[in-house]
Amino acid sequence: MGEFWPVADVRAYLAGRWRVERSVRDLAGGYEGEFTGSTVFGPLPGGGLLHEESGTFVWQGVGRPAERTLRFLPGSVPGTADVRFADGRPFHDLDLRSGRHVTDHPCAADLYRGEFTVRDADHWWTEWRVGGPAKDLLIVTDYAREG
């Protein structure tokens, strides 16, 4: 991607409902899956956003309901956030002031490297590369604002 769309206030940008399309590729095993659904970024008491995602994940031809919840807490400046799992454990930092951000999340013996790219006011995407002794994944998610 050659062009990025800078975000001055990450919470204002993300707030609302987004259509989600995600592809998951197991690079070692050659398997592929996809998630389709939606994400809602709603207000959290005390600031920040509650990220609630739900939809259907299809893996090897079998579809199952899937959901996850994250907390996007205020970062040190408006274009940033401290992203945490639903239980409060740290996930990753997020800085969209340039429209692009790369971050890491170590998880046991695996390393998740995430790239976030804002395309415009209504579209952004993430790419997570997951590597470790038991994982070799590429997870790409497209977000498009609904409404």
N, C-alpha and C. Protein backbone atom coordinates (compact mmCIF):
# COMPACT_ATOMS: atom_id res chain seq x y z
N MET A 1 0.84 -1.17 0.00
CA MET A 1 0.00 0.00 0.00
C MET A 1 0.89 1.24 0.00
N GLY A 2 0.62 2.15 -0.89
CA GLY A 2 1.46 3.31 -1.01
C GLY A 2 0.97 4.51 -0.25
N GLU A 3 -0.33 4.64 -0.02
CA GLU A 3 -0.84 5.83 0.63
C GLU A 3 -1.57 5.47 1.91
N PHE A 4 -1.37 6.33 2.91
CA PHE A 4 -2.00 6.12 4.20
C PHE A 4 -2.82 7.36 4.54
N TRP A 5 -3.84 7.17 5.34
CA TRP A 5 -4.73 8.26 5.74
C TRP A 5 -4.51 8.52 7.22
N PRO A 6 -3.83 9.62 7.59
CA PRO A 6 -3.53 9.89 9.00
C PRO A 6 -4.80 10.07 9.84
N VAL A 7 -4.75 9.59 11.07
CA VAL A 7 -5.87 9.67 12.01
C VAL A 7 -5.44 10.49 13.22
N ALA A 8 -6.09 11.63 13.41
CA ALA A 8 -5.74 12.51 14.53
C ALA A 8 -6.30 12.00 15.85
N ASP A 9 -7.47 11.35 15.82
CA ASP A 9 -8.12 10.86 17.04
C ASP A 9 -8.62 9.43 16.77
N VAL A 10 -7.89 8.45 17.26
CA VAL A 10 -8.20 7.04 16.96
C VAL A 10 -9.58 6.64 17.49
N ARG A 11 -9.96 7.13 18.65
CA ARG A 11 -11.27 6.77 19.20
C ARG A 11 -12.41 7.34 18.36
N ALA A 12 -12.28 8.57 17.92
CA ALA A 12 -13.31 9.17 17.07
C ALA A 12 -13.38 8.45 15.72
N TYR A 13 -12.24 8.06 15.18
CA TYR A 13 -12.20 7.37 13.89
C TYR A 13 -12.88 6.00 13.98
N LEU A 14 -12.56 5.22 15.01
CA LEU A 14 -13.05 3.84 15.09
C LEU A 14 -14.50 3.73 15.56
N ALA A 15 -15.00 4.72 16.28
CA ALA A 15 -16.35 4.64 16.86
C ALA A 15 -17.39 4.31 15.79
N GLY A 16 -18.27 3.37 16.12
CA GLY A 16 -19.35 2.99 15.21
C GLY A 16 -19.28 1.54 14.81
N ARG A 17 -19.96 1.23 13.71
CA ARG A 17 -20.11 -0.16 13.25
C ARG A 17 -19.33 -0.36 11.95
N TRP A 18 -18.62 -1.47 11.87
CA TRP A 18 -17.78 -1.81 10.72
C TRP A 18 -18.12 -3.21 10.21
N ARG A 19 -18.16 -3.37 8.90
CA ARG A 19 -18.27 -4.69 8.27
C ARG A 19 -16.86 -5.28 8.26
N VAL A 20 -16.75 -6.57 8.60
CA VAL A 20 -15.44 -7.22 8.72
C VAL A 20 -15.36 -8.42 7.78
N GLU A 21 -14.29 -8.48 7.01
CA GLU A 21 -13.97 -9.65 6.19
C GLU A 21 -12.52 -10.02 6.47
N ARG A 22 -12.31 -11.26 6.94
CA ARG A 22 -10.97 -11.70 7.35
C ARG A 22 -10.62 -13.00 6.65
N SER A 23 -9.41 -13.07 6.15
CA SER A 23 -8.90 -14.33 5.62
C SER A 23 -7.80 -14.84 6.55
N VAL A 24 -7.79 -16.14 6.75
CA VAL A 24 -6.80 -16.78 7.60
C VAL A 24 -6.14 -17.87 6.77
N ARG A 25 -4.83 -17.77 6.62
CA ARG A 25 -4.09 -18.79 5.86
C ARG A 25 -3.05 -19.44 6.76
N ASP A 26 -3.12 -20.76 6.82
CA ASP A 26 -2.09 -21.55 7.50
C ASP A 26 -1.03 -21.84 6.44
N LEU A 27 0.07 -21.10 6.50
CA LEU A 27 1.09 -21.20 5.46
C LEU A 27 1.83 -22.53 5.49
N ALA A 28 1.89 -23.16 6.66
CA ALA A 28 2.58 -24.46 6.76
C ALA A 28 1.70 -25.59 6.23
N GLY A 29 0.42 -25.57 6.59
CA GLY A 29 -0.46 -26.67 6.22
C GLY A 29 -1.24 -26.44 4.94
N GLY A 30 -1.24 -25.19 4.44
CA GLY A 30 -1.97 -24.88 3.23
C GLY A 30 -3.47 -24.71 3.42
N TYR A 31 -3.92 -24.65 4.67
CA TYR A 31 -5.35 -24.49 4.93
C TYR A 31 -5.74 -23.02 4.87
N GLU A 32 -7.00 -22.77 4.52
CA GLU A 32 -7.50 -21.40 4.48
C GLU A 32 -8.87 -21.33 5.14
N GLY A 33 -9.14 -20.20 5.76
CA GLY A 33 -10.43 -19.96 6.38
C GLY A 33 -10.82 -18.51 6.18
N GLU A 34 -12.07 -18.21 6.53
CA GLU A 34 -12.50 -16.82 6.43
C GLU A 34 -13.54 -16.51 7.50
N PHE A 35 -13.51 -15.27 7.93
CA PHE A 35 -14.47 -14.76 8.89
C PHE A 35 -15.23 -13.63 8.22
N THR A 36 -16.54 -13.61 8.37
CA THR A 36 -17.35 -12.48 7.92
C THR A 36 -18.28 -12.11 9.06
N GLY A 37 -18.41 -10.81 9.29
CA GLY A 37 -19.26 -10.36 10.38
C GLY A 37 -19.18 -8.86 10.52
N SER A 38 -19.32 -8.42 11.77
CA SER A 38 -19.26 -6.98 12.04
C SER A 38 -18.57 -6.73 13.37
N THR A 39 -18.08 -5.52 13.49
CA THR A 39 -17.44 -5.05 14.71
C THR A 39 -18.11 -3.74 15.10
N VAL A 40 -18.44 -3.62 16.37
CA VAL A 40 -18.97 -2.37 16.89
C VAL A 40 -17.97 -1.82 17.90
N PHE A 41 -17.58 -0.57 17.71
CA PHE A 41 -16.75 0.15 18.67
C PHE A 41 -17.66 1.10 19.43
N GLY A 42 -17.98 0.76 20.67
CA GLY A 42 -18.86 1.58 21.50
C GLY A 42 -18.10 2.16 22.67
N PRO A 43 -18.66 3.18 23.33
CA PRO A 43 -17.96 3.85 24.42
C PRO A 43 -17.77 2.95 25.65
N LEU A 44 -16.63 3.12 26.27
CA LEU A 44 -16.32 2.46 27.55
C LEU A 44 -16.44 3.51 28.65
N PRO A 45 -16.97 3.15 29.80
CA PRO A 45 -16.98 4.11 30.92
C PRO A 45 -15.55 4.55 31.24
N GLY A 46 -15.36 5.83 31.41
CA GLY A 46 -14.03 6.35 31.73
C GLY A 46 -13.17 6.60 30.50
N GLY A 47 -13.74 6.46 29.32
CA GLY A 47 -12.97 6.70 28.09
C GLY A 47 -12.59 5.41 27.41
N GLY A 48 -12.25 5.50 26.18
CA GLY A 48 -11.88 4.33 25.41
C GLY A 48 -13.08 3.75 24.68
N LEU A 49 -12.83 2.64 23.99
CA LEU A 49 -13.86 1.98 23.20
C LEU A 49 -13.89 0.49 23.50
N LEU A 50 -15.09 -0.06 23.51
CA LEU A 50 -15.27 -1.50 23.63
C LEU A 50 -15.48 -2.03 22.21
N HIS A 51 -14.62 -2.93 21.80
CA HIS A 51 -14.64 -3.53 20.47
C HIS A 51 -15.33 -4.88 20.60
N GLU A 52 -16.51 -5.02 19.99
CA GLU A 52 -17.25 -6.28 20.04
C GLU A 52 -17.45 -6.78 18.61
N GLU A 53 -16.86 -7.93 18.33
CA GLU A 53 -16.89 -8.50 16.99
C GLU A 53 -17.68 -9.80 17.02
N SER A 54 -18.53 -10.00 16.01
CA SER A 54 -19.27 -11.26 15.92
C SER A 54 -19.53 -11.58 14.45
N GLY A 55 -19.61 -12.87 14.16
CA GLY A 55 -19.85 -13.30 12.79
C GLY A 55 -19.70 -14.80 12.68
N THR A 56 -19.30 -15.23 11.49
CA THR A 56 -19.13 -16.65 11.20
C THR A 56 -17.71 -16.90 10.70
N PHE A 57 -17.07 -17.90 11.29
CA PHE A 57 -15.74 -18.30 10.86
C PHE A 57 -15.86 -19.65 10.16
N VAL A 58 -15.40 -19.71 8.91
CA VAL A 58 -15.43 -20.94 8.14
C VAL A 58 -14.00 -21.46 8.01
N TRP A 59 -13.76 -22.66 8.51
CA TRP A 59 -12.43 -23.28 8.44
C TRP A 59 -12.58 -24.67 7.85
N GLN A 60 -11.90 -24.93 6.76
CA GLN A 60 -11.96 -26.21 6.07
C GLN A 60 -13.41 -26.59 5.76
N GLY A 61 -14.19 -25.61 5.33
CA GLY A 61 -15.55 -25.85 4.90
C GLY A 61 -16.60 -25.91 5.99
N VAL A 62 -16.19 -25.77 7.25
CA VAL A 62 -17.14 -25.85 8.36
C VAL A 62 -17.29 -24.46 8.99
N GLY A 63 -18.53 -23.94 9.00
CA GLY A 63 -18.80 -22.63 9.57
C GLY A 63 -19.24 -22.72 11.02
N ARG A 64 -18.72 -21.79 11.82
CA ARG A 64 -19.08 -21.74 13.24
C ARG A 64 -19.23 -20.27 13.66
N PRO A 65 -20.12 -19.99 14.61
CA PRO A 65 -20.20 -18.64 15.14
C PRO A 65 -18.88 -18.27 15.83
N ALA A 66 -18.49 -17.03 15.70
CA ALA A 66 -17.24 -16.57 16.32
C ALA A 66 -17.43 -15.16 16.84
N GLU A 67 -16.78 -14.87 17.94
CA GLU A 67 -16.84 -13.52 18.50
C GLU A 67 -15.60 -13.25 19.33
N ARG A 68 -15.32 -11.96 19.50
CA ARG A 68 -14.23 -11.55 20.39
C ARG A 68 -14.51 -10.14 20.87
N THR A 69 -13.93 -9.83 22.01
CA THR A 69 -14.09 -8.51 22.62
C THR A 69 -12.71 -7.99 22.99
N LEU A 70 -12.46 -6.74 22.63
CA LEU A 70 -11.22 -6.06 22.99
C LEU A 70 -11.57 -4.72 23.61
N ARG A 71 -10.63 -4.16 24.34
CA ARG A 71 -10.79 -2.82 24.90
C ARG A 71 -9.71 -1.92 24.32
N PHE A 72 -10.13 -0.83 23.71
CA PHE A 72 -9.21 0.17 23.16
C PHE A 72 -9.19 1.33 24.15
N LEU A 73 -8.18 1.35 25.01
CA LEU A 73 -8.07 2.38 26.04
C LEU A 73 -7.31 3.59 25.49
N PRO A 74 -7.56 4.77 26.07
CA PRO A 74 -6.87 5.96 25.58
C PRO A 74 -5.36 5.80 25.67
N GLY A 75 -4.67 6.21 24.59
CA GLY A 75 -3.22 6.22 24.59
C GLY A 75 -2.72 7.54 25.16
N SER A 76 -1.43 7.76 25.05
CA SER A 76 -0.85 8.97 25.62
C SER A 76 -1.22 10.22 24.83
N VAL A 77 -1.57 10.07 23.56
CA VAL A 77 -2.03 11.19 22.72
C VAL A 77 -3.24 10.71 21.93
N PRO A 78 -4.08 11.62 21.38
CA PRO A 78 -5.34 11.22 20.75
C PRO A 78 -5.23 10.23 19.59
N GLY A 79 -4.17 10.21 18.83
CA GLY A 79 -4.06 9.28 17.70
C GLY A 79 -3.61 7.89 18.08
N THR A 80 -3.55 7.62 19.40
CA THR A 80 -3.02 6.35 19.87
C THR A 80 -4.01 5.65 20.81
N ALA A 81 -3.81 4.34 20.99
CA ALA A 81 -4.63 3.56 21.91
C ALA A 81 -3.79 2.44 22.51
N ASP A 82 -4.21 1.99 23.67
CA ASP A 82 -3.63 0.84 24.35
C ASP A 82 -4.68 -0.27 24.22
N VAL A 83 -4.41 -1.26 23.36
CA VAL A 83 -5.39 -2.30 23.07
C VAL A 83 -5.18 -3.46 24.04
N ARG A 84 -6.29 -3.87 24.66
CA ARG A 84 -6.24 -4.95 25.66
C ARG A 84 -7.29 -6.00 25.36
N PHE A 85 -7.01 -7.21 25.81
CA PHE A 85 -8.01 -8.27 25.72
C PHE A 85 -9.16 -7.94 26.67
N ALA A 86 -10.27 -8.65 26.54
CA ALA A 86 -11.46 -8.39 27.35
C ALA A 86 -11.16 -8.49 28.84
N ASP A 87 -10.22 -9.37 29.23
CA ASP A 87 -9.90 -9.55 30.65
C ASP A 87 -8.86 -8.56 31.16
N GLY A 88 -8.45 -7.61 30.31
CA GLY A 88 -7.52 -6.57 30.73
C GLY A 88 -6.06 -6.83 30.42
N ARG A 89 -5.72 -8.03 29.96
CA ARG A 89 -4.33 -8.31 29.61
C ARG A 89 -3.92 -7.46 28.42
N PRO A 90 -2.67 -6.99 28.39
CA PRO A 90 -2.20 -6.19 27.26
C PRO A 90 -2.16 -7.00 25.96
N PHE A 91 -2.58 -6.37 24.85
CA PHE A 91 -2.51 -6.98 23.53
C PHE A 91 -1.45 -6.26 22.71
N HIS A 92 -1.70 -5.00 22.36
CA HIS A 92 -0.71 -4.24 21.60
C HIS A 92 -0.98 -2.75 21.69
N ASP A 93 0.00 -1.97 21.28
CA ASP A 93 -0.19 -0.53 21.17
C ASP A 93 -0.73 -0.22 19.78
N LEU A 94 -1.26 0.98 19.61
CA LEU A 94 -1.81 1.38 18.32
C LEU A 94 -1.60 2.87 18.15
N ASP A 95 -0.93 3.24 17.07
CA ASP A 95 -0.66 4.65 16.77
C ASP A 95 -0.99 4.88 15.29
N LEU A 96 -2.13 5.50 15.02
CA LEU A 96 -2.58 5.70 13.64
C LEU A 96 -2.35 7.13 13.15
N ARG A 97 -1.53 7.91 13.86
CA ARG A 97 -1.33 9.31 13.47
C ARG A 97 -0.73 9.45 12.08
N SER A 98 0.03 8.47 11.61
CA SER A 98 0.59 8.52 10.25
C SER A 98 -0.29 7.75 9.27
N GLY A 99 -1.30 7.03 9.79
CA GLY A 99 -2.16 6.19 8.96
C GLY A 99 -1.65 4.77 8.84
N ARG A 100 -0.51 4.49 9.44
CA ARG A 100 0.06 3.14 9.39
C ARG A 100 0.80 2.87 10.70
N HIS A 101 0.70 1.62 11.18
CA HIS A 101 1.37 1.26 12.43
C HIS A 101 1.75 -0.21 12.39
N VAL A 102 2.95 -0.53 12.88
CA VAL A 102 3.41 -1.91 13.00
C VAL A 102 3.68 -2.17 14.48
N THR A 103 3.20 -3.30 14.96
CA THR A 103 3.35 -3.63 16.38
C THR A 103 3.55 -5.13 16.55
N ASP A 104 4.04 -5.54 17.70
CA ASP A 104 4.26 -6.95 18.01
C ASP A 104 3.47 -7.35 19.25
N HIS A 105 3.08 -8.63 19.28
CA HIS A 105 2.45 -9.21 20.46
C HIS A 105 3.06 -10.60 20.66
N PRO A 106 3.95 -10.75 21.67
CA PRO A 106 4.45 -12.09 21.97
C PRO A 106 3.39 -12.89 22.71
N CYS A 107 3.20 -14.14 22.29
CA CYS A 107 2.19 -15.01 22.90
C CYS A 107 2.82 -16.39 23.08
N ALA A 108 3.21 -16.68 24.30
CA ALA A 108 3.95 -17.91 24.61
C ALA A 108 5.17 -17.97 23.68
N ALA A 109 5.32 -19.03 22.89
CA ALA A 109 6.49 -19.17 22.01
C ALA A 109 6.26 -18.53 20.65
N ASP A 110 5.06 -17.97 20.42
CA ASP A 110 4.72 -17.39 19.12
C ASP A 110 4.88 -15.87 19.15
N LEU A 111 5.10 -15.29 17.97
CA LEU A 111 5.15 -13.84 17.84
C LEU A 111 4.12 -13.42 16.80
N TYR A 112 3.25 -12.51 17.20
CA TYR A 112 2.27 -11.90 16.31
C TYR A 112 2.81 -10.53 15.91
N ARG A 113 3.02 -10.31 14.62
CA ARG A 113 3.43 -8.99 14.12
C ARG A 113 2.27 -8.41 13.33
N GLY A 114 1.75 -7.29 13.81
CA GLY A 114 0.58 -6.67 13.20
C GLY A 114 0.92 -5.40 12.46
N GLU A 115 0.28 -5.23 11.31
CA GLU A 115 0.39 -3.99 10.54
C GLU A 115 -1.01 -3.44 10.35
N PHE A 116 -1.20 -2.20 10.72
CA PHE A 116 -2.49 -1.51 10.61
C PHE A 116 -2.35 -0.41 9.57
N THR A 117 -3.29 -0.35 8.63
CA THR A 117 -3.24 0.67 7.58
C THR A 117 -4.62 1.29 7.43
N VAL A 118 -4.68 2.61 7.51
CA VAL A 118 -5.93 3.34 7.30
C VAL A 118 -5.91 3.82 5.86
N ARG A 119 -6.95 3.42 5.09
CA ARG A 119 -7.02 3.79 3.68
C ARG A 119 -7.72 5.13 3.47
N ASP A 120 -8.83 5.34 4.21
CA ASP A 120 -9.58 6.59 4.11
C ASP A 120 -10.53 6.66 5.30
N ALA A 121 -11.49 7.58 5.27
CA ALA A 121 -12.39 7.79 6.41
C ALA A 121 -13.24 6.56 6.73
N ASP A 122 -13.43 5.67 5.77
CA ASP A 122 -14.34 4.55 5.95
C ASP A 122 -13.74 3.17 5.72
N HIS A 123 -12.42 3.08 5.56
CA HIS A 123 -11.78 1.80 5.28
C HIS A 123 -10.41 1.71 5.95
N TRP A 124 -10.17 0.58 6.61
CA TRP A 124 -8.85 0.29 7.16
C TRP A 124 -8.65 -1.21 7.16
N TRP A 125 -7.42 -1.65 7.30
CA TRP A 125 -7.14 -3.09 7.29
C TRP A 125 -6.01 -3.41 8.24
N THR A 126 -5.98 -4.69 8.63
CA THR A 126 -4.88 -5.18 9.45
C THR A 126 -4.32 -6.45 8.81
N GLU A 127 -3.05 -6.65 9.05
CA GLU A 127 -2.40 -7.89 8.62
C GLU A 127 -1.57 -8.38 9.79
N TRP A 128 -1.86 -9.58 10.26
CA TRP A 128 -1.09 -10.21 11.32
C TRP A 128 -0.34 -11.39 10.74
N ARG A 129 0.96 -11.41 10.97
CA ARG A 129 1.82 -12.54 10.61
C ARG A 129 2.17 -13.23 11.90
N VAL A 130 1.81 -14.50 12.03
CA VAL A 130 2.01 -15.24 13.27
C VAL A 130 3.03 -16.33 13.01
N GLY A 131 4.11 -16.30 13.78
CA GLY A 131 5.15 -17.31 13.62
C GLY A 131 5.55 -17.89 14.96
N GLY A 132 5.91 -19.14 14.94
CA GLY A 132 6.37 -19.82 16.15
C GLY A 132 6.54 -21.29 15.87
N PRO A 133 6.85 -22.04 16.90
CA PRO A 133 7.09 -23.47 16.71
C PRO A 133 5.89 -24.22 16.13
N ALA A 134 4.68 -23.80 16.47
CA ALA A 134 3.50 -24.54 16.01
C ALA A 134 2.61 -23.72 15.09
N LYS A 135 3.00 -22.46 14.78
CA LYS A 135 2.13 -21.60 13.98
C LYS A 135 2.90 -20.92 12.86
N ASP A 136 2.26 -20.84 11.71
CA ASP A 136 2.77 -20.08 10.57
C ASP A 136 1.53 -19.56 9.83
N LEU A 137 1.01 -18.44 10.32
CA LEU A 137 -0.28 -17.93 9.83
C LEU A 137 -0.16 -16.54 9.23
N LEU A 138 -1.06 -16.24 8.31
CA LEU A 138 -1.23 -14.90 7.78
C LEU A 138 -2.72 -14.58 7.92
N ILE A 139 -3.02 -13.52 8.67
CA ILE A 139 -4.40 -13.13 8.96
C ILE A 139 -4.60 -11.71 8.45
N VAL A 140 -5.45 -11.53 7.44
CA VAL A 140 -5.69 -10.23 6.85
C VAL A 140 -7.16 -9.87 7.04
N THR A 141 -7.41 -8.67 7.58
CA THR A 141 -8.78 -8.24 7.86
C THR A 141 -9.04 -6.90 7.20
N ASP A 142 -10.15 -6.82 6.48
CA ASP A 142 -10.62 -5.57 5.88
C ASP A 142 -11.81 -5.07 6.68
N TYR A 143 -11.81 -3.77 6.99
CA TYR A 143 -12.90 -3.13 7.71
C TYR A 143 -13.49 -2.04 6.82
N ALA A 144 -14.82 -2.02 6.72
CA ALA A 144 -15.52 -0.97 5.97
C ALA A 144 -16.65 -0.44 6.86
N ARG A 145 -16.69 0.87 7.01
CA ARG A 145 -17.70 1.48 7.88
C ARG A 145 -19.11 1.20 7.34
N GLU A 146 -20.02 0.84 8.26
CA GLU A 146 -21.42 0.62 7.88
C GLU A 146 -22.21 1.88 8.22
N GLY A 147 -23.24 2.13 7.43
CA GLY A 147 -24.14 3.26 7.71
C GLY A 147 -23.50 4.51 7.36
